């Protein structure tokens, strides 16, 4: 059967809808060729399907062959380019972060969560109380991306589960999955995570980027969990007791 490689009945119907249309659009024809290529048909097989099943008015076999060949060549070149593009490394993330932010300097954050939240707030951060079971605030927080809470709100919230910080127009963060880079980021405020990674706080904005098993750049609207949430710690400052 010509369409036996298409497992989904719905997709098979979509393909037949295009093939049996009298005047399919150019976009529909491009989709048809791209989809048949995606499910595993070779160019000769795609052309055979089109030639035997189409009901297109003014069907031009030679023109269709040329267009189908062009579509598949572009798709395969795009896939090749994506495979060849190297993933960002930790060094790349740090370089991007430092190029777009200024150091905050080391901050002396209180060890009590409520007063830490007040401290962060007065420094220009947006602190939000952490959910008990997840790395997110305990309530809907989207409205605070554009309008920060009032200090009175911050002091009235329940901080017993720890706190999150929301990146905004002033501050952004880098979240690295491993430690050992704190010296590179020595002019930034750095906090260590329970799983051995680290967060650094930057003055400025970055575009959010997530690199699997490497880390993240945290731009406006993204969150981190911060000290003194249980398991998070800050590097002791030399000379401090």
Protein backbone atom coordinates (compact mmCIF):
# COMPACT_ATOMS: atom_id res chain seq x y z
CA UNK A 1 0.00 0.00 0.00
CA UNK A 2 1.40 3.38 -0.97
CA UNK A 3 0.65 5.10 2.36
CA UNK A 4 1.49 2.20 4.67
CA UNK A 5 4.26 4.15 6.44
CA UNK A 6 1.72 6.61 7.85
CA UNK A 7 0.57 5.10 11.13
CA UNK A 8 -2.00 7.74 12.06
CA UNK A 9 -5.33 7.43 10.26
CA UNK A 10 -5.88 11.15 10.72
CA UNK A 11 -2.57 12.02 9.07
CA UNK A 12 -3.32 9.60 6.23
CA UNK A 13 -6.60 11.42 5.70
CA UNK A 14 -4.77 14.78 5.74
CA UNK A 15 -2.43 13.50 3.03
CA UNK A 16 -5.32 12.24 0.91
CA UNK A 17 -7.16 15.54 1.36
CA UNK A 18 -4.25 17.35 -0.29
CA UNK A 19 -3.80 14.73 -3.00
CA UNK A 20 -7.51 14.67 -3.86
CA UNK A 21 -8.00 18.46 -3.81
CA UNK A 22 -8.53 19.97 -7.23
CA UNK A 23 -6.67 23.19 -6.38
CA UNK A 24 -4.39 22.57 -3.36
CA UNK A 25 -2.45 25.63 -2.25
CA UNK A 26 1.32 25.87 -2.63
CA UNK A 27 1.62 25.64 1.15
CA UNK A 28 -0.40 22.41 1.20
CA UNK A 29 1.81 20.85 -1.47
CA UNK A 30 4.95 21.82 0.45
CA UNK A 31 3.48 20.30 3.61
CA UNK A 32 2.65 17.09 1.74
CA UNK A 33 6.19 16.60 0.47
CA UNK A 34 7.72 17.55 3.84
CA UNK A 35 5.45 15.20 5.77
CA UNK A 36 6.04 12.24 3.47
CA UNK A 37 9.77 12.83 3.77
CA UNK A 38 9.42 13.02 7.58
CA UNK A 39 7.67 9.63 7.85
CA UNK A 40 10.36 7.94 5.80
CA UNK A 41 9.46 7.99 2.12
CA UNK A 42 12.25 8.49 -0.39
CA UNK A 43 11.96 11.11 -3.12
CA UNK A 44 11.08 8.51 -5.81
CA UNK A 45 8.38 7.07 -3.51
CA UNK A 46 6.95 10.55 -2.82
CA UNK A 47 6.80 11.31 -6.53
CA UNK A 48 5.15 7.94 -7.19
CA UNK A 49 2.47 8.65 -4.55
CA UNK A 50 1.77 12.09 -5.97
CA UNK A 51 1.71 10.81 -9.57
CA UNK A 52 -0.70 7.99 -8.85
CA UNK A 53 -3.02 9.64 -6.30
CA UNK A 54 -3.27 13.33 -7.15
CA UNK A 55 -6.37 14.91 -8.66
CA UNK A 56 -4.78 18.32 -9.15
CA UNK A 57 -6.01 20.38 -12.04
CA UNK A 58 -3.11 21.29 -14.33
CA UNK A 59 -0.76 18.76 -12.71
CA UNK A 60 2.76 19.18 -14.12
CA UNK A 61 4.88 16.12 -13.35
CA UNK A 62 8.20 17.77 -14.26
CA UNK A 63 7.51 20.88 -12.19
CA UNK A 64 6.34 18.78 -9.24
CA UNK A 65 9.54 16.70 -9.38
CA UNK A 66 11.67 19.84 -9.27
CA UNK A 67 9.74 21.40 -6.39
CA UNK A 68 9.66 18.21 -4.32
CA UNK A 69 13.40 17.73 -4.78
CA UNK A 70 14.03 21.33 -3.65
CA UNK A 71 11.88 20.92 -0.53
CA UNK A 72 13.65 17.74 0.58
CA UNK A 73 17.12 19.15 -0.11
CA UNK A 74 16.38 22.22 2.04
CA UNK A 75 14.91 20.13 4.87
CA UNK A 76 17.91 17.79 4.98
CA UNK A 77 20.35 20.69 4.85
CA UNK A 78 18.52 22.32 7.78
CA UNK A 79 18.67 19.10 9.80
CA UNK A 80 22.37 18.78 8.99
CA UNK A 81 23.06 22.36 10.10
CA UNK A 82 21.22 21.77 13.38
CA UNK A 83 23.26 18.63 14.06
CA UNK A 84 26.52 20.39 13.33
CA UNK A 85 25.81 23.41 15.51
CA UNK A 86 27.69 22.84 18.79
CA UNK A 87 25.81 23.20 22.05
CA UNK A 88 26.77 26.01 24.40
CA UNK A 89 29.25 25.08 27.12
CA UNK A 90 29.37 26.34 30.69
CA UNK A 91 32.14 28.72 29.61
CA UNK A 92 29.88 30.05 26.83
CA UNK A 93 27.02 30.64 29.28
CA UNK A 94 29.28 32.43 31.76
CA UNK A 95 30.83 34.57 29.03
CA UNK A 96 27.39 35.58 27.76
CA UNK A 97 26.19 36.32 31.29
CA UNK A 98 29.22 38.46 32.16
CA UNK A 99 29.02 40.31 28.83
CA UNK A 100 25.44 41.39 29.52
CA UNK A 101 25.51 42.10 33.25
CA UNK A 102 27.55 43.98 35.82
CA UNK A 103 28.73 42.39 39.07
CA UNK A 104 26.43 42.86 42.02
CA UNK A 105 29.22 42.38 44.54
CA UNK A 106 28.82 40.03 47.47
CA UNK A 107 25.60 40.59 49.41
CA UNK A 108 25.12 39.94 53.13
CA UNK A 109 21.77 38.14 53.13
CA UNK A 110 20.04 37.53 56.50
CA UNK A 111 19.68 33.88 57.48
CA UNK A 112 16.00 34.26 58.41
CA UNK A 113 13.80 33.84 55.34
CA UNK A 114 11.42 36.72 56.07
CA UNK A 115 14.26 39.19 56.63
CA UNK A 116 16.11 37.80 53.65
CA UNK A 117 13.01 38.50 51.55
CA UNK A 118 12.88 42.07 52.88
CA UNK A 119 16.62 42.49 52.20
CA UNK A 120 16.28 41.25 48.61
CA UNK A 121 13.25 43.48 48.11
CA UNK A 122 15.07 46.60 49.30
CA UNK A 123 17.95 45.73 46.95
CA UNK A 124 15.56 45.76 43.97
CA UNK A 125 14.84 42.02 43.63
CA UNK A 126 11.35 40.49 43.56
CA UNK A 127 11.14 37.85 46.34
CA UNK A 128 8.22 35.41 46.32
CA UNK A 129 7.42 32.69 48.88
CA UNK A 130 8.34 29.21 47.66
CA UNK A 131 5.87 26.37 47.19
CA UNK A 132 6.36 23.49 49.59
CA UNK A 133 6.87 20.85 46.88
CA UNK A 134 8.20 22.66 43.82
CA UNK A 135 10.76 25.23 42.72
CA UNK A 136 8.13 27.90 42.15
CA UNK A 137 6.10 30.39 44.19
CA UNK A 138 3.22 29.10 46.25
CA UNK A 139 0.69 31.27 44.39
CA UNK A 140 0.08 32.82 40.98
CA UNK A 141 2.96 35.25 40.47
CA UNK A 142 2.69 36.34 36.82
CA UNK A 143 1.36 39.79 37.74
CA UNK A 144 4.61 40.61 39.53
CA UNK A 145 6.61 40.45 36.30
CA UNK A 146 5.46 43.99 35.45
CA UNK A 147 4.44 45.38 38.84
CA UNK A 148 6.44 44.35 41.93
CA UNK A 149 4.57 43.65 45.17
CA UNK A 150 4.45 46.28 47.90
CA UNK A 151 6.73 45.84 50.89
CA UNK A 152 3.65 45.33 53.06
CA UNK A 153 2.65 42.36 50.89
CA UNK A 154 6.13 40.86 51.14
CA UNK A 155 6.06 41.07 54.93
CA UNK A 156 2.59 39.52 55.13
CA UNK A 157 3.39 36.37 53.14
CA UNK A 158 4.20 32.93 54.53
CA UNK A 159 7.93 32.30 54.07
CA UNK A 160 8.13 28.96 55.88
CA UNK A 161 9.04 27.01 52.70
CA UNK A 162 11.81 29.33 51.56
CA UNK A 163 11.89 31.92 48.80
CA UNK A 164 12.15 32.39 45.06
CA UNK A 165 13.54 35.39 43.21
CA UNK A 166 11.96 36.61 39.98
CA UNK A 167 14.29 38.04 37.33
CA UNK A 168 13.18 41.50 36.25
CA UNK A 169 14.34 44.55 34.30
CA UNK A 170 17.11 45.16 36.84
CA UNK A 171 18.48 41.74 37.78
CA UNK A 172 19.05 38.42 36.05
CA UNK A 173 20.71 35.16 37.04
CA UNK A 174 22.88 32.34 35.80
CA UNK A 175 22.12 28.83 37.04
CA UNK A 176 25.01 26.39 36.54
CA UNK A 177 24.60 22.67 37.17
CA UNK A 178 28.03 22.29 38.77
CA UNK A 179 30.16 24.33 41.15
CA UNK A 180 33.84 25.21 40.66
CA UNK A 181 33.18 28.42 38.74
CA UNK A 182 32.75 30.68 41.73
CA UNK A 183 36.23 32.17 41.26
CA UNK A 184 35.37 33.21 37.72
CA UNK A 185 32.26 34.87 39.13
CA UNK A 186 34.01 36.22 42.23
CA UNK A 187 32.69 39.78 41.75
CA UNK A 188 29.10 38.54 41.62
CA UNK A 189 26.89 37.38 44.47
CA UNK A 190 27.03 33.57 44.31
CA UNK A 191 24.82 31.03 46.04
CA UNK A 192 25.23 27.26 46.07
CA UNK A 193 22.35 24.87 45.39
CA UNK A 194 21.56 21.60 47.20
CA UNK A 195 22.65 19.52 44.19
CA UNK A 196 26.09 21.07 43.88
CA UNK A 197 25.37 23.78 41.35
CA UNK A 198 25.47 27.53 41.75
CA UNK A 199 23.50 30.70 41.07
CA UNK A 200 25.13 34.04 40.32
CA UNK A 201 23.24 37.34 40.44
CA UNK A 202 23.88 39.96 37.76
CA UNK A 203 22.91 43.61 37.40
CA UNK A 204 21.42 43.79 33.91
CA UNK A 205 19.28 41.72 31.58
CA UNK A 206 19.98 38.55 29.59
CA UNK A 207 18.03 36.52 27.10
CA UNK A 208 16.86 33.29 28.73
CA UNK A 209 18.75 30.21 27.51
CA UNK A 210 18.47 26.63 28.76
CA UNK A 211 21.27 24.19 27.87
CA UNK A 212 20.49 20.66 29.00
CA UNK A 213 22.92 19.25 31.59
CA UNK A 214 24.89 22.52 31.53
CA UNK A 215 22.83 25.36 32.96
CA UNK A 216 20.59 28.32 32.25
CA UNK A 217 20.64 32.04 31.73
CA UNK A 218 17.64 33.39 33.64
CA UNK A 219 16.13 36.48 32.02
CA UNK A 220 13.04 38.51 32.90
CA UNK A 221 10.09 36.40 34.00
CA UNK A 222 12.15 33.38 35.11
CA UNK A 223 12.77 32.18 38.66
CA UNK A 224 15.46 30.82 40.92
CA UNK A 225 15.23 29.46 44.46
CA UNK A 226 17.53 31.44 46.73
CA UNK A 227 19.26 31.42 50.12
CA UNK A 228 18.25 30.97 52.92
CA UNK A 229 15.87 28.35 51.56
CA UNK A 230 16.79 24.98 53.05
CA UNK A 231 19.79 23.44 51.27
CA UNK A 232 20.97 26.70 49.68
CA UNK A 233 24.02 28.49 51.02
CA UNK A 234 26.28 31.43 50.35
CA UNK A 235 30.06 31.46 50.30
CA UNK A 236 31.48 32.82 53.53
CA UNK A 237 33.21 36.14 53.12
CA UNK A 238 36.85 36.29 54.14
CA UNK A 239 37.28 37.80 57.56
CA UNK A 240 33.63 37.43 58.57
CA UNK A 241 32.61 35.45 61.64
